Amino acid sequence: MSDLNRTELAQTILDTMSNVAVIADCTLIDTITDETVLLQSGLDSLGFAMLVAQLEEDLGIDPFSEMQLAVYPRTFGEFTALYASALKG
């Protein structure tokens, strides 16, 4: 899946977030943009853990485990950029 462009990747992440929200019994906010603060998206900490695990299964990467220095994205745009960078290798 490393041939996804930024828009397709963002949509994949949003779709996965929606699926995880149902499983985790969370309610996402109506509109998530690049500026949306992740902690205000509607997913709780368990939901985010599930999201990262599902994205690792779907995309074949976990950018958080590959980091030498743990830096966590604050916004959806930063989260997507982190995955885009990891996919480029």
Protein backbone atom coordinates (compact mmCIF):
# COMPACT_ATOMS: atom_id res chain seq x y z
CA MET A 1 0.00 0.00 0.00
CA SER A 2 2.99 2.33 -0.10
CA ASP A 3 1.80 3.77 -3.42
CA LEU A 4 -1.00 5.74 -1.72
CA ASN A 5 -0.93 9.49 -2.26
CA ARG A 6 -1.49 11.83 0.70
CA THR A 7 -5.24 12.20 0.03
CA GLU A 8 -5.77 8.45 -0.30
CA LEU A 9 -3.74 7.83 2.83
CA ALA A 10 -5.77 10.39 4.79
CA GLN A 11 -8.99 8.75 3.59
CA THR A 12 -7.68 5.30 4.55
CA ILE A 13 -6.87 6.59 8.03
CA LEU A 14 -10.28 8.26 8.35
CA ASP A 15 -12.05 5.08 7.24
CA THR A 16 -10.03 3.06 9.74
CA MET A 17 -10.80 5.61 12.47
CA SER A 18 -14.52 5.23 11.75
CA ASN A 19 -14.32 1.43 11.95
CA VAL A 20 -12.30 1.55 15.17
CA ALA A 21 -14.71 4.07 16.70
CA VAL A 22 -17.58 1.61 16.24
CA ILE A 23 -15.59 -1.24 17.82
CA ALA A 24 -14.31 0.95 20.67
CA ASP A 25 -17.77 2.46 21.25
CA CYS A 26 -16.52 5.99 20.57
CA THR A 27 -18.21 8.76 18.61
CA LEU A 28 -16.02 10.67 16.18
CA ILE A 29 -16.65 14.35 15.58
CA ASP A 30 -18.48 15.13 12.35
CA THR A 31 -15.59 16.68 10.45
CA ILE A 32 -11.95 15.72 10.87
CA THR A 33 -9.47 17.94 9.03
CA ASP A 34 -5.68 18.25 9.07
CA GLU A 35 -6.06 20.83 11.86
CA THR A 36 -8.20 18.60 14.09
CA VAL A 37 -6.50 17.91 17.42
CA LEU A 38 -6.39 14.13 17.78
CA LEU A 39 -7.51 14.23 21.41
CA GLN A 40 -10.64 16.08 20.27
CA SER A 41 -11.48 13.66 17.43
CA GLY A 42 -13.67 11.42 19.57
CA LEU A 43 -11.31 8.44 19.92
CA ASP A 44 -10.09 7.63 23.40
CA SER A 45 -6.65 6.22 24.22
CA LEU A 46 -7.81 2.63 23.66
CA GLY A 47 -9.29 3.71 20.33
CA PHE A 48 -5.96 5.22 19.26
CA ALA A 49 -4.11 2.06 20.25
CA MET A 50 -6.59 0.05 18.19
CA LEU A 51 -6.21 2.52 15.29
CA VAL A 52 -2.42 2.16 15.23
CA ALA A 53 -2.70 -1.64 15.42
CA GLN A 54 -5.24 -1.75 12.58
CA LEU A 55 -3.19 0.61 10.42
CA GLU A 56 -0.14 -1.58 11.00
CA GLU A 57 -2.16 -4.56 9.77
CA ASP A 58 -3.57 -2.66 6.78
CA LEU A 59 -0.49 -0.68 5.74
CA GLY A 60 2.27 -2.95 7.01
CA ILE A 61 3.94 -0.24 9.08
CA ASP A 62 3.99 1.11 12.61
CA PRO A 63 5.83 4.42 12.51
CA PHE A 64 5.73 4.68 16.30
CA SER A 65 7.80 1.52 16.81
CA GLU A 66 10.31 2.74 14.23
CA MET A 67 10.95 6.08 15.99
CA GLN A 68 14.25 6.56 17.76
CA LEU A 69 12.79 9.44 19.76
CA ALA A 70 9.11 9.14 20.64
CA VAL A 71 7.25 12.10 19.20
CA TYR A 72 3.49 11.90 19.08
CA PRO A 73 1.46 13.86 16.56
CA ARG A 74 -0.97 16.45 17.91
CA THR A 75 -3.21 16.91 14.88
CA PHE A 76 -4.72 14.64 12.24
CA GLY A 77 -2.46 16.27 9.64
CA GLU A 78 0.65 15.46 11.70
CA PHE A 79 -0.62 11.89 12.20
CA THR A 80 -1.15 11.44 8.45
CA ALA A 81 2.24 13.00 7.68
CA LEU A 82 3.90 10.56 10.07
CA TYR A 83 2.38 7.62 8.19
CA ALA A 84 3.19 9.17 4.80
CA SER A 85 6.83 9.56 5.83
CA ALA A 86 7.01 5.98 7.13
CA LEU A 87 5.51 4.62 3.92
CA LYS A 88 8.20 6.38 1.88
CA GLY A 89 10.74 4.50 3.94
